[in-house]
Amino acid sequence: PVKDPDTLGWVSMVNPARGVTERGRASMADFLDWRAATTSFSEMGAYDARESTLSGIGDAERIWGGRCTVSLISVWGLQAHIGRVFQTGEDTPGRDLVIVLSHRYWRERFNGDQAVVGRDVFLDGRSATIVGVMSPSIELGNLALIDLCTPLPLDPAVPRDERSIRAIGRLRPGVSLESAGAEFKVLSAVLARDHAS
Protein backbone atom coordinates (compact mmCIF):
# COMPACT_ATOMS: atom_id res chain seq x y z
CA PRO A 1 0.00 0.00 0.00
CA VAL A 2 3.00 2.35 -0.17
CA LYS A 3 4.00 4.46 -3.15
CA ASP A 4 6.18 2.70 -5.78
CA PRO A 5 7.42 -0.12 -3.51
CA ASP A 6 9.93 -1.37 -6.10
CA THR A 7 12.00 1.79 -5.60
CA LEU A 8 12.31 1.41 -1.81
CA GLY A 9 15.32 -0.04 -0.01
CA TRP A 10 15.84 -0.85 3.67
CA VAL A 11 19.13 0.06 5.32
CA SER A 12 20.13 -2.21 8.21
CA MET A 13 23.13 -2.32 10.51
CA VAL A 14 25.23 -5.46 10.96
CA ASN A 15 27.88 -6.06 13.60
CA PRO A 16 29.02 -9.71 13.55
CA ALA A 17 31.35 -9.10 16.50
CA ARG A 18 28.25 -8.35 18.59
CA GLY A 19 26.10 -11.06 17.04
CA VAL A 20 24.06 -8.71 14.84
CA THR A 21 24.20 -10.42 11.45
CA GLU A 22 21.10 -9.10 9.70
CA ARG A 23 18.40 -6.40 9.92
CA GLY A 24 20.07 -4.65 12.84
CA ARG A 25 18.69 -1.31 13.95
CA ALA A 26 20.48 1.99 13.49
CA SER A 27 21.05 5.04 15.64
CA MET A 28 19.80 8.51 14.84
CA ALA A 29 23.43 9.57 14.34
CA ASP A 30 23.89 6.79 11.75
CA PHE A 31 20.70 7.81 9.97
CA LEU A 32 21.70 11.48 9.82
CA ASP A 33 25.14 10.54 8.46
CA TRP A 34 23.61 8.23 5.84
CA ARG A 35 21.10 10.82 4.75
CA ALA A 36 23.79 13.47 4.37
CA ALA A 37 26.21 11.26 2.42
CA THR A 38 24.11 9.00 0.20
CA THR A 39 23.72 9.62 -3.50
CA SER A 40 21.69 6.44 -4.09
CA PHE A 41 18.51 7.61 -2.38
CA SER A 42 16.52 10.69 -3.28
CA GLU A 43 15.09 10.68 0.24
CA MET A 44 15.41 8.66 3.43
CA GLY A 45 13.07 8.16 6.37
CA ALA A 46 13.24 6.38 9.70
CA TYR A 47 10.94 5.12 12.43
CA ASP A 48 10.81 3.29 15.72
CA ALA A 49 8.08 2.04 18.05
CA ARG A 50 7.62 1.95 21.80
CA GLU A 51 5.01 1.64 24.51
CA SER A 52 3.59 4.89 25.83
CA THR A 53 0.74 6.15 28.00
CA LEU A 54 -2.06 8.21 26.46
CA SER A 55 -4.19 10.28 28.82
CA GLY A 56 -6.43 13.33 28.79
CA ILE A 57 -9.42 11.68 27.10
CA GLY A 58 -11.09 9.23 29.48
CA ASP A 59 -8.95 6.77 31.40
CA ALA A 60 -5.20 6.67 30.84
CA GLU A 61 -4.21 3.82 28.51
CA ARG A 62 -1.03 2.02 27.51
CA ILE A 63 -0.63 2.21 23.75
CA TRP A 64 1.88 1.13 21.12
CA GLY A 65 3.24 4.26 19.50
CA GLY A 66 5.31 4.69 16.39
CA ARG A 67 7.65 7.62 15.85
CA CYS A 68 8.65 8.56 12.33
CA THR A 69 10.62 11.27 10.61
CA VAL A 70 8.57 13.69 8.56
CA SER A 71 10.48 12.46 5.51
CA LEU A 72 9.04 8.95 6.00
CA ILE A 73 5.60 10.32 5.15
CA SER A 74 6.72 11.24 1.63
CA VAL A 75 9.08 8.23 1.23
CA TRP A 76 6.14 5.90 1.82
CA GLY A 77 3.55 8.20 0.23
CA LEU A 78 1.32 8.09 3.31
CA GLN A 79 -2.03 9.85 3.32
CA ALA A 80 -4.38 11.04 6.05
CA HIS A 81 -7.97 9.78 6.21
CA ILE A 82 -8.99 12.94 8.04
CA GLY A 83 -6.94 15.88 9.22
CA ARG A 84 -3.31 15.79 8.11
CA VAL A 85 -0.03 13.92 8.38
CA PHE A 86 3.19 15.45 9.73
CA GLN A 87 4.53 18.67 8.26
CA THR A 88 8.04 19.90 7.56
CA GLY A 89 9.89 20.77 10.75
CA GLU A 90 7.69 18.82 13.16
CA ASP A 91 10.55 16.35 13.72
CA THR A 92 12.83 19.17 14.90
CA PRO A 93 13.84 18.61 18.56
CA GLY A 94 11.83 20.78 20.95
CA ARG A 95 8.81 21.29 18.69
CA ASP A 96 5.25 20.97 20.04
CA LEU A 97 4.15 17.33 19.94
CA VAL A 98 1.56 16.26 17.37
CA ILE A 99 -0.17 12.89 16.95
CA VAL A 100 -1.61 11.02 13.96
CA LEU A 101 -3.90 8.19 15.05
CA SER A 102 -4.03 4.85 13.24
CA HIS A 103 -7.35 4.27 11.53
CA ARG A 104 -7.99 1.14 13.63
CA TYR A 105 -7.26 2.88 16.94
CA TRP A 106 -9.39 5.88 15.92
CA ARG A 107 -12.35 3.58 15.29
CA GLU A 108 -11.83 1.50 18.45
CA ARG A 109 -10.88 4.21 20.96
CA PHE A 110 -12.67 7.25 19.56
CA ASN A 111 -15.60 5.56 17.77
CA GLY A 112 -14.59 7.14 14.49
CA ASP A 113 -15.32 10.64 15.80
CA GLN A 114 -13.99 13.19 13.30
CA ALA A 115 -14.06 15.86 16.00
CA VAL A 116 -11.04 14.19 17.61
CA VAL A 117 -8.79 16.13 15.22
CA GLY A 118 -7.58 19.20 17.06
CA ARG A 119 -8.08 17.68 20.52
CA ASP A 120 -5.31 18.05 23.09
CA VAL A 121 -4.17 14.96 25.00
CA PHE A 122 -1.12 13.86 26.98
CA LEU A 123 1.42 11.32 25.76
CA ASP A 124 3.72 10.12 28.55
CA GLY A 125 2.70 13.24 30.45
CA ARG A 126 3.60 15.60 27.61
CA SER A 127 0.93 17.78 26.00
CA ALA A 128 0.14 16.77 22.42
CA THR A 129 -2.41 17.66 19.74
CA ILE A 130 -4.15 15.10 17.51
CA VAL A 131 -3.77 16.44 13.96
CA GLY A 132 -5.02 13.54 11.85
CA VAL A 133 -6.01 9.93 11.30
CA MET A 134 -3.98 7.73 8.97
CA SER A 135 -5.50 6.08 5.93
CA PRO A 136 -6.44 2.44 6.70
CA SER A 137 -4.52 1.13 3.66
CA ILE A 138 -1.18 1.15 5.50
CA GLU A 139 -2.35 -1.04 8.37
CA LEU A 140 -0.73 -4.38 7.57
CA GLY A 141 2.00 -6.51 9.12
CA ASN A 142 3.63 -4.92 12.16
CA LEU A 143 2.14 -1.54 11.24
CA ALA A 144 -1.28 -2.94 12.13
CA LEU A 145 -0.15 -2.97 15.77
CA ILE A 146 0.56 0.78 15.90
CA ASP A 147 -2.07 2.84 17.74
CA LEU A 148 -0.68 6.26 16.91
CA CYS A 149 2.37 8.01 15.47
CA THR A 150 4.37 11.03 16.55
CA PRO A 151 7.34 12.70 14.86
CA LEU A 152 10.76 11.10 15.51
CA PRO A 153 13.05 13.99 16.48
CA LEU A 154 16.09 14.44 14.25
CA ASP A 155 18.34 14.86 17.27
CA PRO A 156 22.09 14.50 16.59
CA ALA A 157 22.73 14.48 20.35
CA VAL A 158 21.24 10.97 20.73
CA PRO A 159 24.16 8.63 21.53
CA ARG A 160 25.43 6.69 18.52
CA ASP A 161 25.17 3.40 20.42
CA GLU A 162 21.44 3.92 21.03
CA ARG A 163 20.29 1.84 18.07
CA SER A 164 16.49 1.75 17.95
CA ILE A 165 15.40 2.94 14.50
CA ARG A 166 14.68 1.34 11.14
CA ALA A 167 15.72 3.29 8.04
CA ILE A 168 14.39 3.18 4.51
CA GLY A 169 15.14 5.14 1.37
CA ARG A 170 13.66 5.78 -2.05
CA LEU A 171 16.11 5.02 -4.85
CA ARG A 172 16.95 7.70 -7.37
CA PRO A 173 15.84 6.91 -10.93
CA GLY A 174 18.25 4.46 -12.56
CA VAL A 175 19.86 3.36 -9.28
CA SER A 176 19.69 -0.37 -8.43
CA LEU A 177 19.56 -1.91 -4.97
CA GLU A 178 22.91 -3.52 -5.72
CA SER A 179 24.63 -0.19 -6.41
CA ALA A 180 22.96 1.36 -3.37
CA GLY A 181 24.24 -1.55 -1.29
CA ALA A 182 27.75 -1.00 -2.60
CA GLU A 183 27.59 2.68 -1.68
CA PHE A 184 26.42 1.88 1.85
CA LYS A 185 29.22 -0.63 2.34
CA VAL A 186 31.67 2.18 1.69
CA LEU A 187 29.75 4.54 3.99
CA SER A 188 29.65 1.93 6.75
CA ALA A 189 33.40 1.44 6.54
CA VAL A 190 33.92 5.18 6.93
CA LEU A 191 31.55 5.35 9.91
CA ALA A 192 33.17 2.29 11.52
CA ARG A 193 36.56 4.00 11.20
CA ASP A 194 35.35 7.39 12.44
CA HIS A 195 33.12 6.09 15.24
CA ALA A 196 34.70 2.84 16.41
CA SER A 197 32.72 1.32 19.29
C-alpha atoms as a PDB file:
ATOM      1  CA  PRO A   1       0.000   0.000   0.000  1.00  0.00           C
ATOM      2  CA  VAL A   2       3.001   2.348  -0.171  1.00  0.00           C
ATOM      3  CA  LYS A   3       3.997   4.461  -3.151  1.00  0.00           C
ATOM      4  CA  ASP A   4       6.180   2.704  -5.784  1.00  0.00           C
ATOM      5  CA  PRO A   5       7.416  -0.118  -3.506  1.00  0.00           C
ATOM      6  CA  ASP A   6       9.930  -1.368  -6.095  1.00  0.00           C
ATOM      7  CA  THR A   7      11.996   1.794  -5.595  1.00  0.00           C
ATOM      8  CA  LEU A   8      12.312   1.408  -1.810  1.00  0.00           C
ATOM      9  CA  GLY A   9      15.323  -0.036  -0.010  1.00  0.00           C
ATOM     10  CA  TRP A  10      15.838  -0.854   3.667  1.00  0.00           C
ATOM     11  CA  VAL A  11      19.125   0.057   5.323  1.00  0.00           C
ATOM     12  CA  SER A  12      20.125  -2.213   8.209  1.00  0.00           C
ATOM     13  CA  MET A  13      23.132  -2.322  10.508  1.00  0.00           C
ATOM     14  CA  VAL A  14      25.232  -5.456  10.962  1.00  0.00           C
ATOM     15  CA  ASN A  15      27.876  -6.060  13.597  1.00  0.00           C
ATOM     16  CA  PRO A  16      29.023  -9.712  13.549  1.00  0.00           C
ATOM     17  CA  ALA A  17      31.346  -9.097  16.503  1.00  0.00           C
ATOM     18  CA  ARG A  18      28.246  -8.349  18.593  1.00  0.00           C
ATOM     19  CA  GLY A  19      26.100 -11.063  17.045  1.00  0.00           C
ATOM     20  CA  VAL A  20      24.063  -8.710  14.837  1.00  0.00           C
ATOM     21  CA  THR A  21      24.202 -10.419  11.452  1.00  0.00           C
ATOM     22  CA  GLU A  22      21.096  -9.100   9.699  1.00  0.00           C
ATOM     23  CA  ARG A  23      18.403  -6.404   9.920  1.00  0.00           C
ATOM     24  CA  GLY A  24      20.065  -4.648  12.841  1.00  0.00           C
ATOM     25  CA  ARG A  25      18.689  -1.312  13.954  1.00  0.00           C
ATOM     26  CA  ALA A  26      20.484   1.986  13.486  1.00  0.00           C
ATOM     27  CA  SER A  27      21.052   5.042  15.641  1.00  0.00           C
ATOM     28  CA  MET A  28      19.797   8.512  14.838  1.00  0.00           C
ATOM     29  CA  ALA A  29      23.430   9.572  14.336  1.00  0.00           C
ATOM     30  CA  ASP A  30      23.890   6.786  11.754  1.00  0.00           C
ATOM     31  CA  PHE A  31      20.705   7.808   9.973  1.00  0.00           C
ATOM     32  CA  LEU A  32      21.697  11.480   9.822  1.00  0.00           C
ATOM     33  CA  ASP A  33      25.137  10.540   8.456  1.00  0.00           C
ATOM     34  CA  TRP A  34      23.612   8.232   5.841  1.00  0.00           C
ATOM     35  CA  ARG A  35      21.097  10.824   4.747  1.00  0.00           C
ATOM     36  CA  ALA A  36      23.793  13.475   4.374  1.00  0.00           C
ATOM     37  CA  ALA A  37      26.207  11.263   2.422  1.00  0.00           C
ATOM     38  CA  THR A  38      24.115   8.995   0.205  1.00  0.00           C
ATOM     39  CA  THR A  39      23.719   9.621  -3.498  1.00  0.00           C
ATOM     40  CA  SER A  40      21.686   6.436  -4.088  1.00  0.00           C
ATOM     41  CA  PHE A  41      18.513   7.605  -2.385  1.00  0.00           C
ATOM     42  CA  SER A  42      16.523  10.693  -3.283  1.00  0.00           C
ATOM     43  CA  GLU A  43      15.093  10.676   0.236  1.00  0.00           C
ATOM     44  CA  MET A  44      15.407   8.662   3.431  1.00  0.00           C
ATOM     45  CA  GLY A  45      13.069   8.158   6.365  1.00  0.00           C
ATOM     46  CA  ALA A  46      13.238   6.383   9.701  1.00  0.00           C
ATOM     47  CA  TYR A  47      10.935   5.120  12.428  1.00  0.00           C
ATOM     48  CA  ASP A  48      10.812   3.290  15.721  1.00  0.00           C
ATOM     49  CA  ALA A  49       8.080   2.041  18.048  1.00  0.00           C
ATOM     50  CA  ARG A  50       7.619   1.951  21.800  1.00  0.00           C
ATOM     51  CA  GLU A  51       5.010   1.635  24.506  1.00  0.00           C
ATOM     52  CA  SER A  52       3.593   4.895  25.833  1.00  0.00           C
ATOM     53  CA  THR A  53       0.741   6.147  28.002  1.00  0.00           C
ATOM     54  CA  LEU A  54      -2.059   8.208  26.463  1.00  0.00           C
ATOM     55  CA  SER A  55      -4.193  10.278  28.821  1.00  0.00           C
ATOM     56  CA  GLY A  56      -6.435  13.331  28.794  1.00  0.00           C
ATOM     57  CA  ILE A  57      -9.418  11.678  27.099  1.00  0.00           C
ATOM     58  CA  GLY A  58     -11.092   9.226  29.479  1.00  0.00           C
ATOM     59  CA  ASP A  59      -8.948   6.766  31.404  1.00  0.00           C
ATOM     60  CA  ALA A  60      -5.197   6.671  30.837  1.00  0.00           C
ATOM     61  CA  GLU A  61      -4.214   3.821  28.512  1.00  0.00           C
ATOM     62  CA  ARG A  62      -1.031   2.019  27.513  1.00  0.00           C
ATOM     63  CA  ILE A  63      -0.630   2.207  23.753  1.00  0.00           C
ATOM     64  CA  TRP A  64       1.881   1.130  21.121  1.00  0.00           C
ATOM     65  CA  GLY A  65       3.235   4.265  19.501  1.00  0.00           C
ATOM     66  CA  GLY A  66       5.310   4.686  16.387  1.00  0.00           C
ATOM     67  CA  ARG A  67       7.645   7.622  15.855  1.00  0.00           C
ATOM     68  CA  CYS A  68       8.652   8.559  12.326  1.00  0.00           C
ATOM     69  CA  THR A  69      10.624  11.272  10.609  1.00  0.00           C
ATOM     70  CA  VAL A  70       8.575  13.692   8.565  1.00  0.00           C
ATOM     71  CA  SER A  71      10.482  12.456   5.513  1.00  0.00           C
ATOM     72  CA  LEU A  72       9.044   8.950   5.999  1.00  0.00           C
ATOM     73  CA  ILE A  73       5.600  10.319   5.148  1.00  0.00           C
ATOM     74  CA  SER A  74       6.717  11.238   1.634  1.00  0.00           C
ATOM     75  CA  VAL A  75       9.081   8.231   1.230  1.00  0.00           C
ATOM     76  CA  TRP A  76       6.137   5.899   1.815  1.00  0.00           C
ATOM     77  CA  GLY A  77       3.547   8.198   0.226  1.00  0.00           C
ATOM     78  CA  LEU A  78       1.325   8.087   3.314  1.00  0.00           C
ATOM     79  CA  GLN A  79      -2.026   9.851   3.317  1.00  0.00           C
ATOM     80  CA  ALA A  80      -4.383  11.036   6.047  1.00  0.00           C
ATOM     81  CA  HIS A  81      -7.968   9.777   6.211  1.00  0.00           C
ATOM     82  CA  ILE A  82      -8.990  12.939   8.043  1.00  0.00           C
ATOM     83  CA  GLY A  83      -6.938  15.885   9.219  1.00  0.00           C
ATOM     84  CA  ARG A  84      -3.310  15.789   8.107  1.00  0.00           C
ATOM     85  CA  VAL A  85      -0.030  13.923   8.381  1.00  0.00           C
ATOM     86  CA  PHE A  86       3.194  15.450   9.727  1.00  0.00           C
ATOM     87  CA  GLN A  87       4.534  18.671   8.256  1.00  0.00           C
ATOM     88  CA  THR A  88       8.044  19.901   7.565  1.00  0.00           C
ATOM     89  CA  GLY A  89       9.887  20.774  10.746  1.00  0.00           C
ATOM     90  CA  GLU A  90       7.686  18.820  13.157  1.00  0.00           C
ATOM     91  CA  ASP A  91      10.548  16.346  13.719  1.00  0.00           C
ATOM     92  CA  THR A  92      12.828  19.165  14.898  1.00  0.00           C
ATOM     93  CA  PRO A  93      13.836  18.611  18.563  1.00  0.00           C
ATOM     94  CA  GLY A  94      11.831  20.777  20.945  1.00  0.00           C
ATOM     95  CA  ARG A  95       8.808  21.292  18.690  1.00  0.00           C
ATOM     96  CA  ASP A  96       5.254  20.968  20.038  1.00  0.00           C
ATOM     97  CA  LEU A  97       4.155  17.330  19.940  1.00  0.00           C
ATOM     98  CA  VAL A  98       1.560  16.259  17.372  1.00  0.00           C
ATOM     99  CA  ILE A  99      -0.171  12.889  16.948  1.00  0.00           C
ATOM    100  CA  VAL A 100      -1.612  11.024  13.963  1.00  0.00           C
ATOM    101  CA  LEU A 101      -3.897   8.191  15.046  1.00  0.00           C
ATOM    102  CA  SER A 102      -4.027   4.852  13.245  1.00  0.00           C
ATOM    103  CA  HIS A 103      -7.354   4.268  11.527  1.00  0.00           C
ATOM    104  CA  ARG A 104      -7.993   1.142  13.630  1.00  0.00           C
ATOM    105  CA  TYR A 105      -7.262   2.876  16.938  1.00  0.00           C
ATOM    106  CA  TRP A 106      -9.386   5.882  15.921  1.00  0.00           C
ATOM    107  CA  ARG A 107     -12.347   3.579  15.290  1.00  0.00           C
ATOM    108  CA  GLU A 108     -11.831   1.504  18.455  1.00  0.00           C
ATOM    109  CA  ARG A 109     -10.875   4.207  20.959  1.00  0.00           C
ATOM    110  CA  PHE A 110     -12.674   7.254  19.557  1.00  0.00           C
ATOM    111  CA  ASN A 111     -15.604   5.559  17.774  1.00  0.00           C
ATOM    112  CA  GLY A 112     -14.585   7.142  14.490  1.00  0.00           C
ATOM    113  CA  ASP A 113     -15.323  10.639  15.805  1.00  0.00           C
ATOM    114  CA  GLN A 114     -13.992  13.185  13.297  1.00  0.00           C
ATOM    115  CA  ALA A 115     -14.057  15.864  15.998  1.00  0.00           C
ATOM    116  CA  VAL A 116     -11.039  14.194  17.614  1.00  0.00           C
ATOM    117  CA  VAL A 117      -8.785  16.134  15.216  1.00  0.00           C
ATOM    118  CA  GLY A 118      -7.578  19.200  17.062  1.00  0.00           C
ATOM    119  CA  ARG A 119      -8.076  17.681  20.522  1.00  0.00           C
ATOM    120  CA  ASP A 120      -5.312  18.046  23.086  1.00  0.00           C
ATOM    121  CA  VAL A 121      -4.171  14.958  24.997  1.00  0.00           C
ATOM    122  CA  PHE A 122      -1.122  13.859  26.977  1.00  0.00           C
ATOM    123  CA  LEU A 123       1.415  11.324  25.759  1.00  0.00           C
ATOM    124  CA  ASP A 124       3.717  10.122  28.547  1.00  0.00           C
ATOM    125  CA  GLY A 125       2.703  13.244  30.454  1.00  0.00           C
ATOM    126  CA  ARG A 126       3.603  15.601  27.608  1.00  0.00           C
ATOM    127  CA  SER A 127       0.931  17.783  26.002  1.00  0.00           C
ATOM    128  CA  ALA A 128       0.137  16.775  22.419  1.00  0.00           C
ATOM    129  CA  THR A 129      -2.409  17.658  19.740  1.00  0.00           C
ATOM    130  CA  ILE A 130      -4.152  15.098  17.514  1.00  0.00           C
ATOM    131  CA  VAL A 131      -3.771  16.440  13.963  1.00  0.00           C
ATOM    132  CA  GLY A 132      -5.025  13.539  11.853  1.00  0.00           C
ATOM    133  CA  VAL A 133      -6.010   9.934  11.296  1.00  0.00           C
ATOM    134  CA  MET A 134      -3.981   7.731   8.967  1.00  0.00           C
ATOM    135  CA  SER A 135      -5.502   6.078   5.931  1.00  0.00           C
ATOM    136  CA  PRO A 136      -6.439   2.435   6.700  1.00  0.00           C
ATOM    137  CA  SER A 137      -4.524   1.133   3.664  1.00  0.00           C
ATOM    138  CA  ILE A 138      -1.180   1.155   5.498  1.00  0.00           C
ATOM    139  CA  GLU A 139      -2.352  -1.041   8.372  1.00  0.00           C
ATOM    140  CA  LEU A 140      -0.733  -4.380   7.573  1.00  0.00           C
ATOM    141  CA  GLY A 141       1.995  -6.507   9.117  1.00  0.00           C
ATOM    142  CA  ASN A 142       3.626  -4.920  12.162  1.00  0.00           C
ATOM    143  CA  LEU A 143       2.143  -1.544  11.236  1.00  0.00           C
ATOM    144  CA  ALA A 144      -1.283  -2.941  12.132  1.00  0.00           C
ATOM    145  CA  LEU A 145      -0.146  -2.965  15.771  1.00  0.00           C
ATOM    146  CA  ILE A 146       0.560   0.778  15.897  1.00  0.00           C
ATOM    147  CA  ASP A 147      -2.071   2.839  17.742  1.00  0.00           C
ATOM    148  CA  LEU A 148      -0.676   6.261  16.915  1.00  0.00           C
ATOM    149  CA  CYS A 149       2.369   8.006  15.468  1.00  0.00           C
ATOM    150  CA  THR A 150       4.372  11.030  16.550  1.00  0.00           C
ATOM    151  CA  PRO A 151       7.344  12.702  14.862  1.00  0.00           C
ATOM    152  CA  LEU A 152      10.755  11.103  15.508  1.00  0.00           C
ATOM    153  CA  PRO A 153      13.053  13.993  16.478  1.00  0.00           C
ATOM    154  CA  LEU A 154      16.094  14.440  14.247  1.00  0.00           C
ATOM    155  CA  ASP A 155      18.336  14.855  17.270  1.00  0.00           C
ATOM    156  CA  PRO A 156      22.087  14.498  16.589  1.00  0.00           C
ATOM    157  CA  ALA A 157      22.727  14.478  20.350  1.00  0.00           C
ATOM    158  CA  VAL A 158      21.236  10.973  20.735  1.00  0.00           C
ATOM    159  CA  PRO A 159      24.161   8.628  21.532  1.00  0.00           C
ATOM    160  CA  ARG A 160      25.427   6.688  18.521  1.00  0.00           C
ATOM    161  CA  ASP A 161      25.173   3.398  20.418  1.00  0.00           C
ATOM    162  CA  GLU A 162      21.441   3.917  21.025  1.00  0.00           C
ATOM    163  CA  ARG A 163      20.285   1.843  18.068  1.00  0.00           C
ATOM    164  CA  SER A 164      16.490   1.752  17.954  1.00  0.00           C
ATOM    165  CA  ILE A 165      15.404   2.936  14.497  1.00  0.00           C
ATOM    166  CA  ARG A 166      14.684   1.338  11.143  1.00  0.00           C
ATOM    167  CA  ALA A 167      15.722   3.285   8.044  1.00  0.00           C
ATOM    168  CA  ILE A 168      14.389   3.177   4.505  1.00  0.00           C
ATOM    169  CA  GLY A 169      15.142   5.139   1.367  1.00  0.00           C
ATOM    170  CA  ARG A 170      13.663   5.780  -2.049  1.00  0.00           C
ATOM    171  CA  LEU A 171      16.113   5.017  -4.851  1.00  0.00           C
ATOM    172  CA  ARG A 172      16.949   7.704  -7.369  1.00  0.00           C
ATOM    173  CA  PRO A 173      15.838   6.914 -10.933  1.00  0.00           C
ATOM    174  CA  GLY A 174      18.246   4.461 -12.561  1.00  0.00           C
ATOM    175  CA  VAL A 175      19.865   3.356  -9.282  1.00  0.00           C
ATOM    176  CA  SER A 176      19.685  -0.367  -8.428  1.00  0.00           C
ATOM    177  CA  LEU A 177      19.556  -1.912  -4.972  1.00  0.00           C
ATOM    178  CA  GLU A 178      22.908  -3.518  -5.720  1.00  0.00           C
ATOM    179  CA  SER A 179      24.629  -0.188  -6.411  1.00  0.00           C
ATOM    180  CA  ALA A 180      22.961   1.364  -3.365  1.00  0.00           C
ATOM    181  CA  GLY A 181      24.243  -1.551  -1.292  1.00  0.00           C
ATOM    182  CA  ALA A 182      27.749  -1.000  -2.597  1.00  0.00           C
ATOM    183  CA  GLU A 183      27.588   2.684  -1.676  1.00  0.00           C
ATOM    184  CA  PHE A 184      26.419   1.882   1.845  1.00  0.00           C
ATOM    185  CA  LYS A 185      29.217  -0.635   2.342  1.00  0.00           C
ATOM    186  CA  VAL A 186      31.667   2.179   1.685  1.00  0.00           C
ATOM    187  CA  LEU A 187      29.750   4.538   3.991  1.00  0.00           C
ATOM    188  CA  SER A 188      29.652   1.927   6.751  1.00  0.00           C
ATOM    189  CA  ALA A 189      33.399   1.437   6.542  1.00  0.00           C
ATOM    190  CA  VAL A 190      33.919   5.179   6.928  1.00  0.00           C
ATOM    191  CA  LEU A 191      31.555   5.352   9.911  1.00  0.00           C
ATOM    192  CA  ALA A 192      33.173   2.293  11.523  1.00  0.00           C
ATOM    193  CA  ARG A 193      36.557   3.998  11.202  1.00  0.00           C
ATOM    194  CA  ASP A 194      35.353   7.385  12.440  1.00  0.00           C
ATOM    195  CA  HIS A 195      33.123   6.091  15.243  1.00  0.00           C
ATOM    196  CA  ALA A 196      34.698   2.840  16.412  1.00  0.00           C
ATOM    197  CA  SER A 197      32.724   1.324  19.294  1.00  0.00           C
END
